[in-house]
Amino acid sequence: MVGAIMASSAYSRGKLQGLARSAKSATDLPPKLHRLRNLRRNLQGEATVFPAELLPLLFDLLSDQFGAARKFVAEILGEIGLNDVELLPEIVPLFIKSLQDDTPAVVRQVIASGSALFRSTLHKFALQGLHSSELDELLQSSWSCMLKFKDEICSLAFKQGNSGVKLCAMKFVEALILLYTPDPSVSLESQDFNISILRGGHPVLNIGDLSIEASQKLALLLDQLRHPAAKSLTSSTIIFLINSSYINLWSQASVEVSMPSAA
């Protein structure tokens, strides 16, 4: 029985590698995307297959000549990172490099995938620290990578560049602010994650420092609406900033109201 399982696993790995290699060798976009879709389906259906050996092939595809292929590979790598957080130290540096991609759609996908990875890694890192003062080294390394990635995305939100990429980066900043702003209504039993669960303490994460960073990022978002910065913004970005600022200001005001008075 064990031998049959090992043989099946080896076959699955070989099949996945074959799909990745065939996608890499395809010279036209339609067959390349078709093979990448097959690869993705097989990855989702093979929960027992560890995909680490596929990473070099996927990394090569992240620099493929076709932007649509690079975008799809970024999505696949994001899903792999969600399932295997220990692979993030290998994936994230390539994601950071891809933030400079010439195709805006690729950069937007990298930011979207990175946003999901950041939230997931923060959640895992926070929970582990709540239950133990000894943090897993691989998880710590993954969290350090995500912090670097966060800083890179935030820099895109506050500098001149493609309007679609800038808006996507601003949405990441908005999500970060909401994650880092304490919400007293959130508990360990809640489905939504918030740093309020850290009020009992954490070996690395400091709820006060994260709250300060949230306030600083909110101030930077508000600055985008001030003249002359607002002149370069699209109407959709301005609308987003107004709505986002209102939501975040309301959220922070709610926290202040719920805090007990010093008197």
C-alpha atoms as a PDB file:
ATOM      1  CA  MET A   1       0.000   0.000   0.000  1.00  0.00           C
ATOM      2  CA  VAL A   2       2.788   2.433   0.959  1.00  0.00           C
ATOM      3  CA  GLY A   3       4.654   1.593  -2.247  1.00  0.00           C
ATOM      4  CA  ALA A   4       1.555   2.293  -4.317  1.00  0.00           C
ATOM      5  CA  ILE A   5       1.092   5.693  -2.641  1.00  0.00           C
ATOM      6  CA  MET A   6       4.750   6.612  -3.239  1.00  0.00           C
ATOM      7  CA  ALA A   7       4.499   5.553  -6.880  1.00  0.00           C
ATOM      8  CA  SER A   8       1.329   7.600  -7.315  1.00  0.00           C
ATOM      9  CA  SER A   9       3.008  10.624  -5.700  1.00  0.00           C
ATOM     10  CA  ALA A  10       6.039  10.284  -7.975  1.00  0.00           C
ATOM     11  CA  TYR A  11       3.727  10.045 -10.998  1.00  0.00           C
ATOM     12  CA  SER A  12       1.862  13.180  -9.884  1.00  0.00           C
ATOM     13  CA  ARG A  13       5.103  15.101  -9.439  1.00  0.00           C
ATOM     14  CA  GLY A  14       6.259  13.999 -12.857  1.00  0.00           C
ATOM     15  CA  LYS A  15       2.941  15.038 -14.381  1.00  0.00           C
ATOM     16  CA  LEU A  16       3.127  18.473 -12.785  1.00  0.00           C
ATOM     17  CA  GLN A  17       6.692  19.009 -13.922  1.00  0.00           C
ATOM     18  CA  GLY A  18       5.739  17.889 -17.420  1.00  0.00           C
ATOM     19  CA  LEU A  19       2.904  20.426 -17.561  1.00  0.00           C
ATOM     20  CA  ALA A  20       5.188  23.207 -16.342  1.00  0.00           C
ATOM     21  CA  ARG A  21       7.884  22.344 -18.881  1.00  0.00           C
ATOM     22  CA  SER A  22       5.360  22.125 -21.733  1.00  0.00           C
ATOM     23  CA  ALA A  23       3.950  25.524 -20.760  1.00  0.00           C
ATOM     24  CA  LYS A  24       7.448  26.973 -20.700  1.00  0.00           C
ATOM     25  CA  SER A  25       8.306  25.564 -24.139  1.00  0.00           C
ATOM     26  CA  ALA A  26       5.062  26.710 -25.821  1.00  0.00           C
ATOM     27  CA  THR A  27       5.805  29.508 -28.270  1.00  0.00           C
ATOM     28  CA  ASP A  28       2.223  30.734 -28.677  1.00  0.00           C
ATOM     29  CA  LEU A  29       0.073  32.257 -25.948  1.00  0.00           C
ATOM     30  CA  PRO A  30      -3.148  30.156 -26.250  1.00  0.00           C
ATOM     31  CA  PRO A  31      -1.462  26.742 -25.760  1.00  0.00           C
ATOM     32  CA  LYS A  32       0.758  28.207 -23.041  1.00  0.00           C
ATOM     33  CA  LEU A  33      -2.240  29.452 -21.062  1.00  0.00           C
ATOM     34  CA  HIS A  34      -4.073  26.160 -21.658  1.00  0.00           C
ATOM     35  CA  ARG A  35      -1.183  24.210 -20.127  1.00  0.00           C
ATOM     36  CA  LEU A  36      -0.885  26.623 -17.233  1.00  0.00           C
ATOM     37  CA  ARG A  37      -4.593  26.178 -16.499  1.00  0.00           C
ATOM     38  CA  ASN A  38      -4.116  22.409 -16.499  1.00  0.00           C
ATOM     39  CA  LEU A  39      -1.153  22.810 -14.172  1.00  0.00           C
ATOM     40  CA  ARG A  40      -3.198  24.941 -11.804  1.00  0.00           C
ATOM     41  CA  ARG A  41      -6.084  22.441 -11.775  1.00  0.00           C
ATOM     42  CA  ASN A  42      -3.689  19.587 -11.021  1.00  0.00           C
ATOM     43  CA  LEU A  43      -2.012  21.549  -8.246  1.00  0.00           C
ATOM     44  CA  GLN A  44      -5.378  22.238  -6.644  1.00  0.00           C
ATOM     45  CA  GLY A  45      -6.363  18.579  -6.915  1.00  0.00           C
ATOM     46  CA  GLU A  46      -3.091  17.115  -5.601  1.00  0.00           C
ATOM     47  CA  ALA A  47      -3.090  18.112  -1.931  1.00  0.00           C
ATOM     48  CA  THR A  48      -0.428  15.511  -1.081  1.00  0.00           C
ATOM     49  CA  VAL A  49       2.083  16.728  -3.670  1.00  0.00           C
ATOM     50  CA  PHE A  50       4.655  19.147  -2.323  1.00  0.00           C
ATOM     51  CA  PRO A  51       5.216  21.726  -5.086  1.00  0.00           C
ATOM     52  CA  ALA A  52       8.694  22.977  -4.057  1.00  0.00           C
ATOM     53  CA  GLU A  53      10.410  21.218  -6.960  1.00  0.00           C
ATOM     54  CA  LEU A  54       8.159  23.096  -9.371  1.00  0.00           C
ATOM     55  CA  LEU A  55       9.285  26.498  -8.161  1.00  0.00           C
ATOM     56  CA  PRO A  56      12.302  26.883 -10.500  1.00  0.00           C
ATOM     57  CA  LEU A  57      10.087  26.136 -13.504  1.00  0.00           C
ATOM     58  CA  LEU A  58       7.403  28.572 -12.326  1.00  0.00           C
ATOM     59  CA  PHE A  59      10.022  31.211 -11.575  1.00  0.00           C
ATOM     60  CA  ASP A  60      11.250  30.921 -15.159  1.00  0.00           C
ATOM     61  CA  LEU A  61       7.682  31.375 -16.382  1.00  0.00           C
ATOM     62  CA  LEU A  62       7.407  34.533 -14.283  1.00  0.00           C
ATOM     63  CA  SER A  63       9.742  36.127 -16.826  1.00  0.00           C
ATOM     64  CA  ASP A  64       7.924  34.685 -19.853  1.00  0.00           C
ATOM     65  CA  GLN A  65       7.636  36.847 -22.986  1.00  0.00           C
ATOM     66  CA  PHE A  66       3.836  36.998 -22.663  1.00  0.00           C
ATOM     67  CA  GLY A  67       2.378  39.298 -20.009  1.00  0.00           C
ATOM     68  CA  ALA A  68      -0.780  37.178 -19.740  1.00  0.00           C
ATOM     69  CA  ALA A  69       1.353  34.137 -18.906  1.00  0.00           C
ATOM     70  CA  ARG A  70       3.346  36.064 -16.279  1.00  0.00           C
ATOM     71  CA  LYS A  71       0.087  37.255 -14.714  1.00  0.00           C
ATOM     72  CA  PHE A  72      -1.300  33.715 -14.553  1.00  0.00           C
ATOM     73  CA  VAL A  73       1.916  32.349 -13.044  1.00  0.00           C
ATOM     74  CA  ALA A  74       1.842  35.090 -10.381  1.00  0.00           C
ATOM     75  CA  GLU A  75      -1.648  33.915  -9.464  1.00  0.00           C
ATOM     76  CA  ILE A  76      -0.465  30.286  -9.228  1.00  0.00           C
ATOM     77  CA  LEU A  77       2.518  31.242  -7.065  1.00  0.00           C
ATOM     78  CA  GLY A  78       0.228  33.209  -4.764  1.00  0.00           C
ATOM     79  CA  GLU A  79      -1.957  30.144  -4.252  1.00  0.00           C
ATOM     80  CA  ILE A  80       1.099  27.981  -3.571  1.00  0.00           C
ATOM     81  CA  GLY A  81       2.287  30.510  -0.972  1.00  0.00           C
ATOM     82  CA  LEU A  82      -1.079  30.417   0.783  1.00  0.00           C
ATOM     83  CA  ASN A  83      -0.867  26.639   1.118  1.00  0.00           C
ATOM     84  CA  ASP A  84       2.862  26.398   1.915  1.00  0.00           C
ATOM     85  CA  VAL A  85       3.924  29.470   3.900  1.00  0.00           C
ATOM     86  CA  GLU A  86       7.477  28.105   4.266  1.00  0.00           C
ATOM     87  CA  LEU A  87       7.985  28.702   0.534  1.00  0.00           C
ATOM     88  CA  LEU A  88       7.464  32.460   0.834  1.00  0.00           C
ATOM     89  CA  PRO A  89      11.179  33.294   1.294  1.00  0.00           C
ATOM     90  CA  GLU A  90      11.646  31.899  -2.211  1.00  0.00           C
ATOM     91  CA  ILE A  91       8.489  33.315  -3.769  1.00  0.00           C
ATOM     92  CA  VAL A  92       8.419  36.842  -2.332  1.00  0.00           C
ATOM     93  CA  PRO A  93      11.771  38.079  -3.761  1.00  0.00           C
ATOM     94  CA  LEU A  94      10.466  37.179  -7.231  1.00  0.00           C
ATOM     95  CA  PHE A  95       7.214  38.974  -6.480  1.00  0.00           C
ATOM     96  CA  ILE A  96       9.150  42.075  -5.437  1.00  0.00           C
ATOM     97  CA  LYS A  97      11.062  41.956  -8.713  1.00  0.00           C
ATOM     98  CA  SER A  98       7.787  41.536 -10.615  1.00  0.00           C
ATOM     99  CA  LEU A  99       6.496  44.809  -9.147  1.00  0.00           C
ATOM    100  CA  GLN A 100       8.735  46.405 -11.794  1.00  0.00           C
ATOM    101  CA  ASP A 101       7.095  44.457 -14.629  1.00  0.00           C
ATOM    102  CA  ASP A 102       6.358  46.517 -17.751  1.00  0.00           C
ATOM    103  CA  THR A 103       2.816  45.097 -17.966  1.00  0.00           C
ATOM    104  CA  PRO A 104       0.482  46.782 -15.426  1.00  0.00           C
ATOM    105  CA  ALA A 105      -1.829  43.752 -15.312  1.00  0.00           C
ATOM    106  CA  VAL A 106       1.058  41.623 -14.043  1.00  0.00           C
ATOM    107  CA  VAL A 107       1.888  44.126 -11.301  1.00  0.00           C
ATOM    108  CA  ARG A 108      -1.763  44.358 -10.264  1.00  0.00           C
ATOM    109  CA  GLN A 109      -1.944  40.563  -9.977  1.00  0.00           C
ATOM    110  CA  VAL A 110       1.250  40.455  -7.916  1.00  0.00           C
ATOM    111  CA  ILE A 111      -0.204  43.063  -5.548  1.00  0.00           C
ATOM    112  CA  ALA A 112      -3.518  41.176  -5.298  1.00  0.00           C
ATOM    113  CA  SER A 113      -1.743  37.876  -4.597  1.00  0.00           C
ATOM    114  CA  GLY A 114       0.605  39.620  -2.175  1.00  0.00           C
ATOM    115  CA  SER A 115      -2.306  41.143  -0.283  1.00  0.00           C
ATOM    116  CA  ALA A 116      -3.796  37.693   0.342  1.00  0.00           C
ATOM    117  CA  LEU A 117      -0.375  36.344   1.343  1.00  0.00           C
ATOM    118  CA  PHE A 118       0.235  39.233   3.744  1.00  0.00           C
ATOM    119  CA  ARG A 119      -3.092  38.791   5.507  1.00  0.00           C
ATOM    120  CA  SER A 120      -2.678  35.004   5.734  1.00  0.00           C
ATOM    121  CA  THR A 121       0.914  35.169   6.999  1.00  0.00           C
ATOM    122  CA  LEU A 122       0.089  37.866   9.559  1.00  0.00           C
ATOM    123  CA  HIS A 123      -2.790  35.728  10.836  1.00  0.00           C
ATOM    124  CA  LYS A 124      -0.590  32.622  11.196  1.00  0.00           C
ATOM    125  CA  PHE A 125       2.269  34.590  12.753  1.00  0.00           C
ATOM    126  CA  ALA A 126      -0.041  36.295  15.235  1.00  0.00           C
ATOM    127  CA  LEU A 127      -1.794  33.096  16.288  1.00  0.00           C
ATOM    128  CA  GLN A 128       1.450  31.178  16.789  1.00  0.00           C
ATOM    129  CA  GLY A 129       2.764  33.919  19.061  1.00  0.00           C
ATOM    130  CA  LEU A 130      -0.403  33.834  21.132  1.00  0.00           C
ATOM    131  CA  HIS A 131       0.067  30.153  21.915  1.00  0.00           C
ATOM    132  CA  SER A 132       3.835  30.012  22.295  1.00  0.00           C
ATOM    133  CA  SER A 133       6.774  32.299  23.062  1.00  0.00           C
ATOM    134  CA  GLU A 134       8.867  30.147  20.701  1.00  0.00           C
ATOM    135  CA  LEU A 135       8.144  31.126  17.112  1.00  0.00           C
ATOM    136  CA  ASP A 136       8.878  28.824  14.191  1.00  0.00           C
ATOM    137  CA  GLU A 137      11.990  30.042  12.337  1.00  0.00           C
ATOM    138  CA  LEU A 138      10.504  29.371   8.904  1.00  0.00           C
ATOM    139  CA  LEU A 139       7.374  31.331   9.786  1.00  0.00           C
ATOM    140  CA  GLN A 140       9.495  34.191  11.126  1.00  0.00           C
ATOM    141  CA  SER A 141      11.483  34.213   7.889  1.00  0.00           C
ATOM    142  CA  SER A 142       8.256  34.244   5.862  1.00  0.00           C
ATOM    143  CA  TRP A 143       6.904  37.148   7.918  1.00  0.00           C
ATOM    144  CA  SER A 144      10.132  39.114   7.408  1.00  0.00           C
ATOM    145  CA  CYS A 145       9.766  38.635   3.647  1.00  0.00           C
ATOM    146  CA  MET A 146       6.170  39.824   3.757  1.00  0.00           C
ATOM    147  CA  LEU A 147       7.215  42.982   5.616  1.00  0.00           C
ATOM    148  CA  LYS A 148       9.673  43.813   2.821  1.00  0.00           C
ATOM    149  CA  PHE A 149       6.970  43.123   0.258  1.00  0.00           C
ATOM    150  CA  LYS A 150       4.537  45.362   2.172  1.00  0.00           C
ATOM    151  CA  ASP A 151       7.006  48.258   2.083  1.00  0.00           C
ATOM    152  CA  GLU A 152       7.521  47.844  -1.666  1.00  0.00           C
ATOM    153  CA  ILE A 153       3.785  47.905  -2.384  1.00  0.00           C
ATOM    154  CA  CYS A 154       3.235  50.901  -0.110  1.00  0.00           C
ATOM    155  CA  SER A 155       5.933  52.809  -1.975  1.00  0.00           C
ATOM    156  CA  LEU A 156       4.008  52.227  -5.223  1.00  0.00           C
ATOM    157  CA  ALA A 157       0.893  53.717  -3.634  1.00  0.00           C
ATOM    158  CA  PHE A 158       2.560  57.037  -2.882  1.00  0.00           C
ATOM    159  CA  LYS A 159       4.596  57.778  -5.991  1.00  0.00           C
ATOM    160  CA  GLN A 160       3.884  58.619  -9.606  1.00  0.00           C
ATOM    161  CA  GLY A 161       3.204  55.692 -11.912  1.00  0.00           C
ATOM    162  CA  ASN A 162       0.527  53.755 -13.749  1.00  0.00           C
ATOM    163  CA  SER A 163      -2.876  54.812 -12.371  1.00  0.00           C
ATOM    164  CA  GLY A 164      -4.232  51.243 -12.230  1.00  0.00           C
ATOM    165  CA  VAL A 165      -1.186  49.980 -10.355  1.00  0.00           C
ATOM    166  CA  LYS A 166      -1.288  52.964  -8.001  1.00  0.00           C
ATOM    167  CA  LEU A 167      -4.953  52.352  -7.212  1.00  0.00           C
ATOM    168  CA  CYS A 168      -4.313  48.654  -6.569  1.00  0.00           C
ATOM    169  CA  ALA A 169      -1.430  49.560  -4.224  1.00  0.00           C
ATOM    170  CA  MET A 170      -3.658  52.063  -2.416  1.00  0.00           C
ATOM    171  CA  LYS A 171      -6.231  49.325  -1.848  1.00  0.00           C
ATOM    172  CA  PHE A 172      -3.461  47.248  -0.275  1.00  0.00           C
ATOM    173  CA  VAL A 173      -2.660  50.182   2.030  1.00  0.00           C
ATOM    174  CA  GLU A 174      -6.345  50.500   2.946  1.00  0.00           C
ATOM    175  CA  ALA A 175      -6.474  46.789   3.859  1.00  0.00           C
ATOM    176  CA  LEU A 176      -3.293  47.213   5.890  1.00  0.00           C
ATOM    177  CA  ILE A 177      -4.777  50.131   7.832  1.00  0.00           C
ATOM    178  CA  LEU A 178      -7.889  48.113   8.682  1.00  0.00           C
ATOM    179  CA  LEU A 179      -5.771  45.122   9.748  1.00  0.00           C
ATOM    180  CA  TYR A 180      -3.529  47.296  11.943  1.00  0.00           C
ATOM    181  CA  THR A 181      -6.334  49.352  13.520  1.00  0.00           C
ATOM    182  CA  PRO A 182      -7.584  47.631  16.706  1.00  0.00           C
ATOM    183  CA  ASP A 183     -11.212  46.549  16.616  1.00  0.00           C
ATOM    184  CA  PRO A 184     -12.455  45.658  20.125  1.00  0.00           C
ATOM    185  CA  SER A 185     -15.370  43.682  18.660  1.00  0.00           C
ATOM    186  CA  VAL A 186     -12.986  41.110  17.126  1.00  0.00           C
ATOM    187  CA  SER A 187     -12.050  38.061  19.210  1.00  0.00           C
ATOM    188  CA  LEU A 188     -10.178  34.810  18.664  1.00  0.00           C
ATOM    189  CA  GLU A 189     -13.497  33.204  17.761  1.00  0.00           C
ATOM    190  CA  SER A 190     -14.205  35.766  15.030  1.00  0.00           C
ATOM    191  CA  GLN A 191     -13.796  34.794  11.396  1.00  0.00           C
ATOM    192  CA  ASP A 192     -12.271  38.195  10.582  1.00  0.00           C
ATOM    193  CA  PHE A 193      -8.695  38.825  11.706  1.00  0.00           C
ATOM    194  CA  ASN A 194      -7.646  41.999  13.508  1.00  0.00           C
ATOM    195  CA  ILE A 195      -4.651  42.875  15.681  1.00  0.00           C
ATOM    196  CA  SER A 196      -6.985  43.296  18.652  1.00  0.00           C
ATOM    197  CA  ILE A 197      -6.387  39.611  19.377  1.00  0.00           C
ATOM    198  CA  LEU A 198      -2.805  40.613  20.309  1.00  0.00           C
ATOM    199  CA  ARG A 199      -3.868  42.727  23.280  1.00  0.00           C
ATOM    200  CA  GLY A 200      -2.654  39.935  25.552  1.00  0.00           C
ATOM    201  CA  GLY A 201       0.871  40.252  24.127  1.00  0.00           C
ATOM    202  CA  HIS A 202       3.027  38.713  21.381  1.00  0.00           C
ATOM    203  CA  PRO A 203       6.767  37.885  21.209  1.00  0.00           C
ATOM    204  CA  VAL A 204       7.294  40.080  18.120  1.00  0.00           C
ATOM    205  CA  LEU A 205       4.172  41.991  17.125  1.00  0.00           C
ATOM    206  CA  ASN A 206       3.372  45.096  19.165  1.00  0.00           C
ATOM    207  CA  ILE A 207      -0.209  46.303  18.921  1.00  0.00           C
ATOM    208  CA  GLY A 208       0.839  49.886  19.727  1.00  0.00           C
ATOM    209  CA  ASP A 209       3.454  50.004  16.966  1.00  0.00           C
ATOM    210  CA  LEU A 210       1.038  48.530  14.430  1.00  0.00           C
ATOM    211  CA  SER A 211      -1.630  51.074  15.386  1.00  0.00           C
ATOM    212  CA  ILE A 212       0.861  53.911  14.901  1.00  0.00           C
ATOM    213  CA  GLU A 213       1.781  52.584  11.465  1.00  0.00           C
ATOM    214  CA  ALA A 214      -1.926  52.433  10.556  1.00  0.00           C
ATOM    215  CA  SER A 215      -2.336  56.099  11.522  1.00  0.00           C
ATOM    216  CA  GLN A 216       0.754  57.078   9.530  1.00  0.00           C
ATOM    217  CA  LYS A 217      -0.477  55.240   6.433  1.00  0.00           C
ATOM    218  CA  LEU A 218      -3.899  56.881   6.762  1.00  0.00           C
ATOM    219  CA  ALA A 219      -2.229  60.297   6.892  1.00  0.00           C
ATOM    220  CA  LEU A 220      -0.350  59.454   3.691  1.00  0.00           C
ATOM    221  CA  LEU A 221      -3.601  58.472   1.988  1.00  0.00           C
ATOM    222  CA  LEU A 222      -5.194  61.759   3.031  1.00  0.00           C
ATOM    223  CA  ASP A 223      -2.174  63.653   1.727  1.00  0.00           C
ATOM    224  CA  GLN A 224      -2.911  62.261  -1.732  1.00  0.00           C
ATOM    225  CA  LEU A 225      -6.065  64.394  -1.823  1.00  0.00           C
ATOM    226  CA  ARG A 226      -4.191  67.620  -1.170  1.00  0.00           C
ATOM    227  CA  HIS A 227      -3.133  69.981  -3.928  1.00  0.00           C
ATOM    228  CA  PRO A 228      -0.946  69.528  -5.990  1.00  0.00           C
ATOM    229  CA  ALA A 229      -0.828  65.726  -5.495  1.00  0.00           C
ATOM    230  CA  ALA A 230      -4.522  65.365  -6.365  1.00  0.00           C
ATOM    231  CA  LYS A 231      -4.035  66.908  -9.817  1.00  0.00           C
ATOM    232  CA  SER A 232      -2.343  63.757 -11.102  1.00  0.00           C
ATOM    233  CA  LEU A 233      -5.010  61.362  -9.767  1.00  0.00           C
ATOM    234  CA  THR A 234      -7.763  59.789 -11.853  1.00  0.00           C
ATOM    235  CA  SER A 235     -11.387  60.323 -10.841  1.00  0.00           C
ATOM    236  CA  SER A 236     -11.717  56.662  -9.755  1.00  0.00           C
ATOM    237  CA  THR A 237      -8.666  57.034  -7.501  1.00  0.00           C
ATOM    238  CA  ILE A 238     -10.037  60.225  -5.939  1.00  0.00           C
ATOM    239  CA  ILE A 239     -13.376  58.541  -5.248  1.00  0.00           C
ATOM    240  CA  PHE A 240     -11.577  55.567  -3.698  1.00  0.00           C
ATOM    241  CA  LEU A 241      -9.453  57.838  -1.480  1.00  0.00           C
ATOM    242  CA  ILE A 242     -12.493  59.774  -0.241  1.00  0.00           C
ATOM    243  CA  ASN A 243     -14.406  56.584   0.589  1.00  0.00           C
ATOM    244  CA  SER A 244     -11.360  54.880   2.095  1.00  0.00           C
ATOM    245  CA  SER A 245     -10.456  57.883   4.240  1.00  0.00           C
ATOM    246  CA  TYR A 246     -14.021  58.112   5.556  1.00  0.00           C
ATOM    247  CA  ILE A 247     -14.105  54.391   6.440  1.00  0.00           C
ATOM    248  CA  ASN A 248     -10.706  54.452   8.123  1.00  0.00           C
ATOM    249  CA  LEU A 249     -11.344  57.682  10.015  1.00  0.00           C
ATOM    250  CA  TRP A 250     -14.642  56.215  11.246  1.00  0.00           C
ATOM    251  CA  SER A 251     -12.871  53.006  12.256  1.00  0.00           C
ATOM    252  CA  GLN A 252     -10.170  54.828  14.213  1.00  0.00           C
ATOM    253  CA  ALA A 253     -12.757  57.104  15.852  1.00  0.00           C
ATOM    254  CA  SER A 254     -14.737  54.027  16.925  1.00  0.00           C
ATOM    255  CA  VAL A 255     -11.622  52.632  18.586  1.00  0.00           C
ATOM    256  CA  GLU A 256     -11.030  55.869  20.490  1.00  0.00           C
ATOM    257  CA  VAL A 257     -14.653  55.980  21.675  1.00  0.00           C
ATOM    258  CA  SER A 258     -14.507  52.362  22.874  1.00  0.00           C
ATOM    259  CA  MET A 259     -11.283  52.880  24.842  1.00  0.00           C
ATOM    260  CA  PRO A 260     -11.820  53.355  28.585  1.00  0.00           C
ATOM    261  CA  SER A 261     -11.236  56.864  29.901  1.00  0.00           C
ATOM    262  CA  ALA A 262      -8.107  57.506  31.992  1.00  0.00           C
ATOM    263  CA  ALA A 263     -10.323  59.205  34.540  1.00  0.00           C
END
